[in-house]
């Protein structure tokens, strides 16, 4: 019985101590954020699958004014102090509206969700997936065709001030068998700038 009491005390003390590292999820209301990403692109057909030298494409994100975050429980007391776009959170999930524009006259609009993971001090690994409707003129063929597409964006991002963040990213848009079966394929290497009010 004495050993059981000692074990309970040790486990109890350990659980109290471990609460210092307890995690917490939260829904936070945020200010407006806008991101712009642009760079050279290439198609993925046999005629165009080569170096990124077909032209320039990019997209704009308008983040909705709320986000789901995860961090240490103690860090949620800093919510009133905004240090940068991420506010040093470990994980963020943010919805956004997307507008993708290509220099051949194509454009796509839709919505998506972006996840952001803190990988090291002030550097975030981000991935965004969205559903977009693409409107493509005849001259955009064979790479882009009108219809529904998936829009992927992976990047490394770093806040450089309270109001601005920069990123280096890779954008991929493809039909993924959605809609009328017309397949679109485009890859973009992008530089990005985000503005946080």
N, C-alpha and C. Protein backbone atom coordinates (compact mmCIF):
# COMPACT_ATOMS: atom_id res chain seq x y z
N UNK A 1 0.82 -1.19 0.00
CA UNK A 1 0.00 0.00 0.00
C UNK A 1 0.86 1.25 0.00
N UNK A 2 1.97 1.21 0.75
CA UNK A 2 2.86 2.36 0.83
C UNK A 2 3.46 2.65 -0.55
N UNK A 3 3.81 1.59 -1.30
CA UNK A 3 4.40 1.78 -2.64
C UNK A 3 3.38 2.35 -3.61
N UNK A 4 2.14 1.95 -3.47
CA UNK A 4 1.08 2.49 -4.31
C UNK A 4 0.89 3.99 -4.04
N UNK A 5 0.95 4.39 -2.78
CA UNK A 5 0.82 5.79 -2.42
C UNK A 5 1.99 6.61 -2.99
N UNK A 6 3.19 6.06 -2.93
CA UNK A 6 4.37 6.74 -3.49
C UNK A 6 4.23 6.88 -5.00
N UNK A 7 3.78 5.81 -5.67
CA UNK A 7 3.58 5.85 -7.12
C UNK A 7 2.54 6.91 -7.50
N UNK A 8 1.45 6.98 -6.76
CA UNK A 8 0.41 7.98 -7.04
C UNK A 8 0.96 9.39 -6.87
N UNK A 9 1.75 9.62 -5.83
CA UNK A 9 2.34 10.95 -5.62
C UNK A 9 3.30 11.32 -6.74
N UNK A 10 4.12 10.36 -7.18
CA UNK A 10 5.08 10.62 -8.27
C UNK A 10 4.34 10.94 -9.56
N UNK A 11 3.34 10.11 -9.90
CA UNK A 11 2.57 10.35 -11.12
C UNK A 11 1.79 11.66 -11.04
N UNK A 12 1.25 11.95 -9.89
CA UNK A 12 0.51 13.20 -9.71
C UNK A 12 1.41 14.41 -9.88
N UNK A 13 2.61 14.38 -9.29
CA UNK A 13 3.55 15.47 -9.43
C UNK A 13 3.99 15.62 -10.89
N UNK A 14 4.23 14.48 -11.55
CA UNK A 14 4.64 14.52 -12.95
C UNK A 14 3.58 15.13 -13.84
N UNK A 15 2.30 14.82 -13.58
CA UNK A 15 1.24 15.38 -14.42
C UNK A 15 1.06 16.86 -14.17
N UNK A 16 1.24 17.31 -12.93
CA UNK A 16 1.16 18.74 -12.65
C UNK A 16 2.29 19.47 -13.35
N UNK A 17 3.49 18.90 -13.29
CA UNK A 17 4.63 19.54 -13.93
C UNK A 17 4.47 19.56 -15.45
N UNK A 18 3.90 18.49 -16.03
CA UNK A 18 3.76 18.42 -17.48
C UNK A 18 2.76 19.43 -18.01
N UNK A 19 1.88 19.97 -17.17
CA UNK A 19 0.91 20.95 -17.63
C UNK A 19 1.56 22.25 -18.10
N UNK A 20 2.82 22.47 -17.73
CA UNK A 20 3.52 23.65 -18.24
C UNK A 20 3.69 23.58 -19.74
N UNK A 21 3.71 22.36 -20.30
CA UNK A 21 3.85 22.17 -21.74
C UNK A 21 2.54 21.77 -22.39
N UNK A 22 1.43 21.96 -21.70
CA UNK A 22 0.14 21.56 -22.25
C UNK A 22 -0.16 22.38 -23.50
N UNK A 23 -0.70 21.69 -24.52
CA UNK A 23 -1.09 22.37 -25.74
C UNK A 23 -2.52 22.85 -25.69
N UNK A 24 -2.83 23.78 -26.56
CA UNK A 24 -4.18 24.32 -26.61
C UNK A 24 -4.52 24.71 -28.04
N UNK A 25 -5.74 24.39 -28.45
CA UNK A 25 -6.27 24.86 -29.73
C UNK A 25 -7.14 26.08 -29.45
N UNK A 26 -7.16 26.99 -30.40
CA UNK A 26 -8.00 28.15 -30.23
C UNK A 26 -8.49 28.68 -31.56
N UNK A 27 -9.64 29.30 -31.54
CA UNK A 27 -10.16 30.01 -32.70
C UNK A 27 -9.92 31.49 -32.44
N UNK A 28 -9.13 32.11 -33.30
CA UNK A 28 -8.76 33.51 -33.09
C UNK A 28 -9.35 34.38 -34.18
N UNK A 29 -9.83 35.52 -33.80
CA UNK A 29 -10.29 36.54 -34.74
C UNK A 29 -9.08 37.39 -35.09
N UNK A 30 -8.85 37.61 -36.38
CA UNK A 30 -7.64 38.31 -36.82
C UNK A 30 -8.00 39.52 -37.68
N UNK A 31 -6.98 40.29 -37.98
CA UNK A 31 -7.14 41.40 -38.92
C UNK A 31 -6.90 40.87 -40.33
N UNK A 32 -7.17 41.70 -41.32
CA UNK A 32 -7.04 41.29 -42.72
C UNK A 32 -5.60 40.97 -43.08
N UNK A 33 -5.45 39.96 -43.93
CA UNK A 33 -4.14 39.59 -44.48
C UNK A 33 -4.31 39.37 -45.97
N UNK A 34 -3.37 39.86 -46.74
CA UNK A 34 -3.39 39.69 -48.20
C UNK A 34 -2.01 39.20 -48.62
N UNK A 35 -1.98 38.19 -49.48
CA UNK A 35 -0.72 37.67 -49.98
C UNK A 35 -0.69 37.70 -51.50
N UNK A 36 0.46 38.02 -52.08
CA UNK A 36 0.65 38.01 -53.52
C UNK A 36 1.88 37.16 -53.82
N UNK A 37 1.72 36.18 -54.74
CA UNK A 37 2.81 35.28 -55.13
C UNK A 37 2.88 35.25 -56.64
N UNK A 38 4.08 35.40 -57.21
CA UNK A 38 4.22 35.41 -58.67
C UNK A 38 5.57 34.85 -59.06
N UNK A 39 5.64 34.33 -60.30
CA UNK A 39 6.89 33.81 -60.81
C UNK A 39 6.72 33.13 -62.15
N UNK A 40 7.78 32.53 -62.68
CA UNK A 40 7.71 31.85 -63.98
C UNK A 40 6.95 30.53 -63.88
N UNK A 41 6.32 30.13 -65.00
CA UNK A 41 5.57 28.89 -64.99
C UNK A 41 5.95 27.99 -66.17
N UNK A 42 5.49 26.75 -66.05
CA UNK A 42 5.61 25.78 -67.14
C UNK A 42 4.35 24.91 -67.14
N UNK A 43 4.09 24.29 -68.30
CA UNK A 43 3.00 23.33 -68.38
C UNK A 43 3.54 21.93 -68.15
N UNK A 44 2.64 20.95 -68.21
CA UNK A 44 3.06 19.58 -67.99
C UNK A 44 2.71 18.67 -69.15
N UNK A 45 2.43 19.25 -70.30
CA UNK A 45 2.19 18.41 -71.48
C UNK A 45 3.52 18.10 -72.14
N UNK A 46 3.51 17.18 -73.10
CA UNK A 46 4.77 16.82 -73.78
C UNK A 46 5.35 18.01 -74.53
N UNK A 47 4.50 18.94 -74.99
CA UNK A 47 4.99 20.11 -75.71
C UNK A 47 5.61 21.16 -74.79
N UNK A 48 5.19 21.19 -73.53
CA UNK A 48 5.59 22.32 -72.68
C UNK A 48 6.30 21.91 -71.39
N UNK A 49 6.46 20.63 -71.15
CA UNK A 49 7.09 20.19 -69.90
C UNK A 49 8.60 20.39 -70.00
N UNK A 50 9.05 21.51 -69.56
CA UNK A 50 10.47 21.84 -69.61
C UNK A 50 10.81 22.81 -68.52
N UNK A 51 11.77 23.69 -68.80
CA UNK A 51 12.16 24.70 -67.84
C UNK A 51 11.03 25.70 -67.66
N UNK A 52 11.05 26.42 -66.59
CA UNK A 52 10.01 27.40 -66.27
C UNK A 52 10.23 28.67 -67.10
N UNK A 53 9.87 28.60 -68.39
CA UNK A 53 10.14 29.72 -69.29
C UNK A 53 8.97 30.06 -70.20
N UNK A 54 7.76 29.68 -69.82
CA UNK A 54 6.60 29.95 -70.67
C UNK A 54 6.00 31.32 -70.44
N UNK A 55 6.25 31.91 -69.31
CA UNK A 55 5.67 33.20 -68.99
C UNK A 55 5.60 33.41 -67.50
N UNK A 56 4.71 34.30 -67.08
CA UNK A 56 4.58 34.64 -65.67
C UNK A 56 3.14 34.35 -65.21
N UNK A 57 3.04 33.77 -64.02
CA UNK A 57 1.75 33.52 -63.41
C UNK A 57 1.86 33.82 -61.92
N UNK A 58 0.74 33.96 -61.29
CA UNK A 58 0.76 34.20 -59.86
C UNK A 58 -0.64 34.14 -59.29
N UNK A 59 -0.71 34.26 -57.97
CA UNK A 59 -2.02 34.29 -57.37
C UNK A 59 -2.03 35.18 -56.14
N UNK A 60 -3.23 35.62 -55.82
CA UNK A 60 -3.44 36.47 -54.66
C UNK A 60 -4.32 35.71 -53.68
N UNK A 61 -4.00 35.83 -52.39
CA UNK A 61 -4.79 35.25 -51.33
C UNK A 61 -5.36 36.38 -50.48
N UNK A 62 -6.61 36.28 -50.15
CA UNK A 62 -7.23 37.18 -49.18
C UNK A 62 -7.70 36.29 -48.04
N UNK A 63 -7.02 36.40 -46.91
CA UNK A 63 -7.31 35.54 -45.77
C UNK A 63 -8.57 36.01 -45.06
N UNK A 64 -9.44 35.08 -44.73
CA UNK A 64 -10.63 35.42 -43.97
C UNK A 64 -10.22 35.80 -42.54
N UNK A 65 -11.02 36.61 -41.84
CA UNK A 65 -10.55 37.19 -40.57
C UNK A 65 -10.67 36.29 -39.35
N UNK A 66 -10.36 35.00 -39.51
CA UNK A 66 -10.30 34.09 -38.36
C UNK A 66 -9.37 32.94 -38.72
N UNK A 67 -8.86 32.28 -37.69
CA UNK A 67 -7.93 31.17 -37.89
C UNK A 67 -8.00 30.23 -36.69
N UNK A 68 -7.69 28.96 -36.96
CA UNK A 68 -7.56 27.97 -35.89
C UNK A 68 -6.07 27.85 -35.60
N UNK A 69 -5.70 27.93 -34.33
CA UNK A 69 -4.29 27.88 -33.96
C UNK A 69 -4.05 26.83 -32.88
N UNK A 70 -2.80 26.38 -32.82
CA UNK A 70 -2.37 25.48 -31.75
C UNK A 70 -1.03 25.99 -31.24
N UNK A 71 -0.90 25.99 -29.91
CA UNK A 71 0.34 26.46 -29.30
C UNK A 71 0.36 25.96 -27.86
N UNK A 72 1.45 26.26 -27.16
CA UNK A 72 1.47 25.98 -25.73
C UNK A 72 0.41 26.82 -25.04
N UNK A 73 -0.22 26.25 -24.05
CA UNK A 73 -1.31 26.93 -23.36
C UNK A 73 -0.88 28.27 -22.79
N UNK A 74 0.34 28.34 -22.26
CA UNK A 74 0.82 29.60 -21.67
C UNK A 74 0.95 30.72 -22.69
N UNK A 75 1.18 30.37 -23.96
CA UNK A 75 1.39 31.40 -24.98
C UNK A 75 0.10 32.08 -25.42
N UNK A 76 -1.06 31.51 -25.06
CA UNK A 76 -2.30 32.13 -25.49
C UNK A 76 -2.61 33.41 -24.72
N UNK A 77 -1.87 33.69 -23.68
CA UNK A 77 -2.08 34.95 -22.96
C UNK A 77 -1.54 36.13 -23.75
N UNK A 78 -0.78 35.86 -24.83
CA UNK A 78 -0.20 36.96 -25.62
C UNK A 78 -1.11 37.39 -26.77
N UNK A 79 -2.36 36.92 -26.79
CA UNK A 79 -3.23 37.18 -27.94
C UNK A 79 -3.43 38.67 -28.21
N UNK A 80 -3.39 39.50 -27.19
CA UNK A 80 -3.62 40.93 -27.38
C UNK A 80 -2.42 41.60 -28.04
N UNK A 81 -1.24 41.00 -27.96
CA UNK A 81 -0.04 41.58 -28.55
C UNK A 81 0.25 40.87 -29.87
N UNK A 82 0.12 41.58 -30.98
CA UNK A 82 0.37 40.99 -32.30
C UNK A 82 1.81 41.30 -32.68
N UNK A 83 2.65 40.27 -32.78
CA UNK A 83 4.06 40.47 -33.11
C UNK A 83 4.32 40.39 -34.60
N UNK A 84 3.56 39.55 -35.32
CA UNK A 84 3.68 39.41 -36.77
C UNK A 84 2.48 38.62 -37.28
N UNK A 85 2.52 38.25 -38.53
CA UNK A 85 1.40 37.52 -39.13
C UNK A 85 1.03 36.25 -38.37
N UNK A 86 2.04 35.55 -37.86
CA UNK A 86 1.82 34.26 -37.20
C UNK A 86 1.69 34.38 -35.69
N UNK A 87 2.09 35.49 -35.13
CA UNK A 87 2.10 35.71 -33.69
C UNK A 87 2.81 34.58 -32.96
N UNK A 88 3.81 34.01 -33.62
CA UNK A 88 4.67 32.95 -33.07
C UNK A 88 3.92 31.67 -32.70
N UNK A 89 2.76 31.42 -33.31
CA UNK A 89 2.02 30.18 -33.06
C UNK A 89 2.76 28.99 -33.68
N UNK A 90 2.57 27.81 -33.09
CA UNK A 90 3.21 26.59 -33.60
C UNK A 90 2.50 26.07 -34.84
N UNK A 91 1.17 26.24 -34.91
CA UNK A 91 0.37 25.73 -36.02
C UNK A 91 -0.79 26.67 -36.28
N UNK A 92 -1.09 26.91 -37.56
CA UNK A 92 -2.24 27.73 -37.93
C UNK A 92 -2.98 27.06 -39.08
N UNK A 93 -4.29 27.17 -39.08
CA UNK A 93 -5.14 26.74 -40.18
C UNK A 93 -6.00 27.94 -40.55
N UNK A 94 -5.81 28.43 -41.81
CA UNK A 94 -6.48 29.67 -42.21
C UNK A 94 -7.22 29.50 -43.53
N UNK A 95 -8.50 29.87 -43.58
CA UNK A 95 -9.22 29.86 -44.86
C UNK A 95 -8.92 31.13 -45.65
N UNK A 96 -8.98 31.02 -46.97
CA UNK A 96 -8.70 32.19 -47.80
C UNK A 96 -9.42 32.09 -49.14
N UNK A 97 -9.63 33.24 -49.75
CA UNK A 97 -10.14 33.33 -51.12
C UNK A 97 -8.93 33.45 -52.05
N UNK A 98 -8.99 32.80 -53.23
CA UNK A 98 -7.85 32.74 -54.15
C UNK A 98 -8.21 33.35 -55.50
N UNK A 99 -7.25 34.02 -56.10
CA UNK A 99 -7.35 34.50 -57.48
C UNK A 99 -6.02 34.20 -58.16
N UNK A 100 -6.04 33.30 -59.16
CA UNK A 100 -4.83 32.89 -59.89
C UNK A 100 -4.91 33.50 -61.28
N UNK A 101 -3.85 34.20 -61.71
CA UNK A 101 -3.83 34.88 -63.00
C UNK A 101 -2.60 34.45 -63.79
N UNK A 102 -2.79 34.20 -65.10
CA UNK A 102 -1.70 33.79 -65.99
C UNK A 102 -1.59 34.82 -67.11
N UNK A 103 -0.36 35.07 -67.59
CA UNK A 103 -0.17 36.09 -68.62
C UNK A 103 -0.79 35.75 -69.97
N UNK A 104 -1.29 34.52 -70.15
CA UNK A 104 -1.96 34.17 -71.40
C UNK A 104 -3.46 34.49 -71.37
N UNK A 105 -3.91 35.15 -70.32
CA UNK A 105 -5.30 35.55 -70.22
C UNK A 105 -6.15 34.63 -69.37
N UNK A 106 -5.59 33.56 -68.84
CA UNK A 106 -6.33 32.64 -67.99
C UNK A 106 -6.44 33.21 -66.58
N UNK A 107 -7.52 32.87 -65.91
CA UNK A 107 -7.65 33.23 -64.50
C UNK A 107 -8.52 32.19 -63.82
N UNK A 108 -8.28 32.02 -62.51
CA UNK A 108 -9.04 31.07 -61.71
C UNK A 108 -9.40 31.73 -60.39
N UNK A 109 -10.59 31.41 -59.88
CA UNK A 109 -11.05 31.94 -58.60
C UNK A 109 -11.59 30.80 -57.76
N UNK A 110 -11.38 30.89 -56.45
CA UNK A 110 -11.89 29.85 -55.58
C UNK A 110 -11.58 30.11 -54.12
N UNK A 111 -11.69 29.07 -53.31
CA UNK A 111 -11.39 29.16 -51.88
C UNK A 111 -10.47 28.02 -51.49
N UNK A 112 -9.74 28.23 -50.39
CA UNK A 112 -8.81 27.20 -49.94
C UNK A 112 -8.54 27.31 -48.46
N UNK A 113 -7.75 26.36 -47.98
CA UNK A 113 -7.30 26.33 -46.59
C UNK A 113 -5.79 26.21 -46.58
N UNK A 114 -5.14 26.98 -45.73
CA UNK A 114 -3.69 26.96 -45.63
C UNK A 114 -3.28 26.55 -44.23
N UNK A 115 -2.36 25.59 -44.15
CA UNK A 115 -1.77 25.20 -42.87
C UNK A 115 -0.37 25.79 -42.79
N UNK A 116 0.01 26.21 -41.61
CA UNK A 116 1.34 26.78 -41.37
C UNK A 116 1.93 26.11 -40.13
N UNK A 117 3.14 25.55 -40.28
CA UNK A 117 3.83 24.88 -39.18
C UNK A 117 5.14 25.61 -38.89
N UNK A 118 5.37 25.93 -37.65
CA UNK A 118 6.64 26.52 -37.25
C UNK A 118 7.70 25.43 -37.29
N UNK A 119 8.73 25.58 -38.17
CA UNK A 119 9.77 24.56 -38.28
C UNK A 119 11.04 24.95 -37.54
N UNK A 120 11.31 26.22 -37.45
CA UNK A 120 12.42 26.73 -36.66
C UNK A 120 12.11 28.19 -36.38
N UNK A 121 12.92 28.83 -35.62
CA UNK A 121 12.59 30.19 -35.19
C UNK A 121 12.25 31.10 -36.38
N UNK A 122 11.02 31.56 -36.42
CA UNK A 122 10.52 32.50 -37.41
C UNK A 122 10.42 31.96 -38.84
N UNK A 123 10.61 30.65 -39.07
CA UNK A 123 10.43 30.06 -40.39
C UNK A 123 9.25 29.09 -40.34
N UNK A 124 8.33 29.24 -41.29
CA UNK A 124 7.12 28.42 -41.34
C UNK A 124 7.07 27.62 -42.64
N UNK A 125 6.70 26.36 -42.53
CA UNK A 125 6.41 25.51 -43.68
C UNK A 125 4.90 25.60 -43.89
N UNK A 126 4.50 25.97 -45.11
CA UNK A 126 3.08 26.19 -45.37
C UNK A 126 2.61 25.34 -46.56
N UNK A 127 1.37 24.89 -46.45
CA UNK A 127 0.73 24.15 -47.55
C UNK A 127 -0.71 24.61 -47.65
N UNK A 128 -1.10 24.93 -48.85
CA UNK A 128 -2.47 25.37 -49.10
C UNK A 128 -3.09 24.51 -50.20
N UNK A 129 -4.33 24.10 -49.99
CA UNK A 129 -5.08 23.42 -51.03
C UNK A 129 -6.39 24.16 -51.21
N UNK A 130 -6.79 24.32 -52.47
CA UNK A 130 -8.02 25.04 -52.75
C UNK A 130 -8.72 24.47 -53.96
N UNK A 131 -9.99 24.75 -54.04
CA UNK A 131 -10.77 24.42 -55.23
C UNK A 131 -11.03 25.69 -56.00
N UNK A 132 -10.71 25.70 -57.31
CA UNK A 132 -10.86 26.90 -58.12
C UNK A 132 -11.59 26.56 -59.43
N UNK A 133 -12.23 27.56 -59.98
CA UNK A 133 -12.79 27.41 -61.33
C UNK A 133 -11.90 28.22 -62.27
N UNK A 134 -11.37 27.56 -63.29
CA UNK A 134 -10.44 28.17 -64.24
C UNK A 134 -11.17 28.56 -65.51
N UNK A 135 -10.95 29.78 -65.95
CA UNK A 135 -11.44 30.26 -67.24
C UNK A 135 -10.22 30.47 -68.12
N UNK A 136 -10.09 29.66 -69.20
CA UNK A 136 -8.89 29.70 -70.03
C UNK A 136 -9.25 29.95 -71.49
N UNK A 137 -8.59 30.93 -72.14
CA UNK A 137 -8.82 31.15 -73.57
C UNK A 137 -8.15 30.05 -74.39
N UNK A 138 -8.43 30.04 -75.69
CA UNK A 138 -7.87 29.01 -76.58
C UNK A 138 -6.35 29.04 -76.57
N UNK A 139 -5.75 30.21 -76.48
CA UNK A 139 -4.29 30.29 -76.54
C UNK A 139 -3.61 29.71 -75.29
N UNK A 140 -4.36 29.38 -74.26
CA UNK A 140 -3.78 28.77 -73.05
C UNK A 140 -3.55 27.27 -73.24
N UNK A 141 -4.16 26.68 -74.28
CA UNK A 141 -3.98 25.25 -74.55
C UNK A 141 -2.53 25.01 -74.98
N UNK A 142 -1.99 23.83 -74.75
CA UNK A 142 -2.63 22.61 -74.25
C UNK A 142 -2.60 22.48 -72.72
N UNK A 143 -2.02 23.43 -72.02
CA UNK A 143 -1.82 23.26 -70.58
C UNK A 143 -3.04 23.60 -69.74
N UNK A 144 -3.78 24.60 -70.13
CA UNK A 144 -4.90 25.06 -69.31
C UNK A 144 -6.20 24.98 -70.10
N UNK A 145 -7.22 24.42 -69.46
CA UNK A 145 -8.54 24.31 -70.05
C UNK A 145 -9.57 24.73 -69.01
N UNK A 146 -10.62 25.37 -69.45
CA UNK A 146 -11.66 25.84 -68.52
C UNK A 146 -12.28 24.69 -67.75
N UNK A 147 -12.56 24.94 -66.48
CA UNK A 147 -13.20 23.93 -65.64
C UNK A 147 -12.70 24.01 -64.21
N UNK A 148 -13.18 23.09 -63.39
CA UNK A 148 -12.78 23.05 -61.99
C UNK A 148 -11.39 22.42 -61.85
N UNK A 149 -10.58 22.97 -60.95
CA UNK A 149 -9.22 22.51 -60.72
C UNK A 149 -8.89 22.54 -59.23
N UNK A 150 -7.88 21.78 -58.87
CA UNK A 150 -7.30 21.88 -57.54
C UNK A 150 -6.10 22.80 -57.61
N UNK A 151 -5.95 23.63 -56.61
CA UNK A 151 -4.84 24.59 -56.55
C UNK A 151 -4.01 24.28 -55.31
N UNK A 152 -2.75 23.92 -55.51
CA UNK A 152 -1.85 23.57 -54.41
C UNK A 152 -0.76 24.65 -54.31
N UNK A 153 -0.37 24.95 -53.09
CA UNK A 153 0.71 25.91 -52.87
C UNK A 153 1.51 25.47 -51.65
N UNK A 154 2.79 25.22 -51.86
CA UNK A 154 3.70 24.86 -50.77
C UNK A 154 4.79 25.92 -50.70
N UNK A 155 5.14 26.35 -49.48
CA UNK A 155 6.13 27.43 -49.38
C UNK A 155 6.85 27.40 -48.04
N UNK A 156 7.96 28.10 -48.02
CA UNK A 156 8.67 28.44 -46.79
C UNK A 156 8.47 29.94 -46.60
N UNK A 157 7.99 30.34 -45.43
CA UNK A 157 7.65 31.74 -45.20
C UNK A 157 8.32 32.24 -43.94
N UNK A 158 8.64 33.54 -43.95
CA UNK A 158 9.28 34.16 -42.78
C UNK A 158 8.74 35.57 -42.60
N UNK A 159 8.26 35.89 -41.39
CA UNK A 159 7.87 37.28 -41.14
C UNK A 159 9.12 38.17 -41.06
N UNK A 160 9.06 39.34 -41.69
CA UNK A 160 10.21 40.26 -41.65
C UNK A 160 9.89 41.51 -40.83
N UNK A 161 8.62 41.68 -40.50
CA UNK A 161 8.21 42.77 -39.61
C UNK A 161 6.81 42.44 -39.09
N UNK A 162 6.27 43.35 -38.33
CA UNK A 162 4.91 43.12 -37.81
C UNK A 162 3.90 43.05 -38.94
N UNK A 163 4.14 43.77 -40.04
CA UNK A 163 3.16 43.88 -41.12
C UNK A 163 3.49 43.06 -42.37
N UNK A 164 4.71 42.57 -42.53
CA UNK A 164 5.07 41.89 -43.77
C UNK A 164 5.75 40.54 -43.53
N UNK A 165 5.48 39.60 -44.45
CA UNK A 165 6.16 38.30 -44.48
C UNK A 165 6.57 38.03 -45.92
N UNK A 166 7.66 37.29 -46.11
CA UNK A 166 8.11 36.92 -47.45
C UNK A 166 8.08 35.40 -47.55
N UNK A 167 8.01 34.89 -48.79
CA UNK A 167 7.97 33.45 -48.97
C UNK A 167 8.58 33.05 -50.31
N UNK A 168 9.05 31.81 -50.36
CA UNK A 168 9.49 31.16 -51.58
C UNK A 168 8.62 29.93 -51.73
N UNK A 169 7.93 29.81 -52.87
CA UNK A 169 6.93 28.75 -52.97
C UNK A 169 6.86 28.06 -54.31
N UNK A 170 6.05 27.03 -54.34
CA UNK A 170 5.78 26.23 -55.53
C UNK A 170 4.27 26.07 -55.65
N UNK A 171 3.72 26.48 -56.78
CA UNK A 171 2.29 26.41 -57.04
C UNK A 171 2.04 25.33 -58.09
N UNK A 172 1.03 24.51 -57.86
CA UNK A 172 0.62 23.53 -58.87
C UNK A 172 -0.89 23.59 -59.01
N UNK A 173 -1.35 23.73 -60.24
CA UNK A 173 -2.78 23.71 -60.52
C UNK A 173 -3.05 22.59 -61.50
N UNK A 174 -4.03 21.74 -61.20
CA UNK A 174 -4.35 20.63 -62.10
C UNK A 174 -5.82 20.28 -61.99
N UNK A 175 -6.33 19.66 -63.07
CA UNK A 175 -7.73 19.28 -63.12
C UNK A 175 -8.09 18.19 -62.15
N UNK A 176 -7.19 17.27 -61.89
CA UNK A 176 -7.40 16.19 -60.92
C UNK A 176 -8.67 15.40 -61.19
N UNK A 177 -9.10 15.34 -62.45
CA UNK A 177 -10.28 14.57 -62.80
C UNK A 177 -11.59 15.21 -62.38
N UNK A 178 -11.55 16.49 -61.98
CA UNK A 178 -12.78 17.18 -61.58
C UNK A 178 -13.52 17.73 -62.80
N UNK A 179 -14.79 17.91 -62.66
CA UNK A 179 -15.56 18.60 -63.69
C UNK A 179 -15.74 17.80 -64.96
N UNK A 180 -15.52 18.45 -66.12
CA UNK A 180 -15.84 17.85 -67.41
C UNK A 180 -14.74 16.93 -67.95
N UNK A 181 -13.72 16.65 -67.17
CA UNK A 181 -12.67 15.74 -67.61
C UNK A 181 -11.53 16.42 -68.33
N UNK A 182 -11.67 17.70 -68.68
CA UNK A 182 -10.56 18.43 -69.31
C UNK A 182 -9.46 18.60 -68.27
N UNK A 183 -8.24 18.26 -68.66
CA UNK A 183 -7.13 18.26 -67.71
C UNK A 183 -6.27 19.51 -67.89
N UNK A 184 -6.07 20.23 -66.80
CA UNK A 184 -5.15 21.37 -66.79
C UNK A 184 -3.95 21.00 -65.94
N UNK A 185 -2.79 21.50 -66.32
CA UNK A 185 -1.58 21.27 -65.55
C UNK A 185 -0.67 22.46 -65.66
N UNK A 186 -0.29 23.04 -64.52
CA UNK A 186 0.63 24.17 -64.51
C UNK A 186 1.43 24.17 -63.22
N UNK A 187 2.72 24.46 -63.33
CA UNK A 187 3.61 24.60 -62.18
C UNK A 187 4.19 26.01 -62.20
N UNK A 188 4.30 26.62 -61.02
CA UNK A 188 4.86 27.97 -60.91
C UNK A 188 5.84 27.98 -59.74
N UNK A 189 7.02 28.56 -59.96
CA UNK A 189 7.95 28.84 -58.86
C UNK A 189 7.74 30.30 -58.50
N UNK A 190 7.43 30.56 -57.22
CA UNK A 190 6.99 31.91 -56.89
C UNK A 190 7.75 32.54 -55.73
N UNK A 191 7.82 33.85 -55.78
CA UNK A 191 8.23 34.67 -54.65
C UNK A 191 6.98 35.35 -54.15
N UNK A 192 6.85 35.47 -52.84
CA UNK A 192 5.62 36.03 -52.30
C UNK A 192 5.86 37.08 -51.24
N UNK A 193 4.86 37.94 -51.10
CA UNK A 193 4.86 38.95 -50.07
C UNK A 193 3.47 38.99 -49.45
N UNK A 194 3.38 38.93 -48.14
CA UNK A 194 2.10 38.99 -47.45
C UNK A 194 2.06 40.25 -46.58
N UNK A 195 0.89 40.86 -46.57
CA UNK A 195 0.70 42.09 -45.80
C UNK A 195 -0.32 41.80 -44.70
N UNK A 196 0.08 42.06 -43.48
CA UNK A 196 -0.74 41.84 -42.31
C UNK A 196 -1.06 43.20 -41.69
N UNK A 197 -2.33 43.56 -41.62
CA UNK A 197 -2.71 44.87 -41.05
C UNK A 197 -2.28 45.01 -39.62
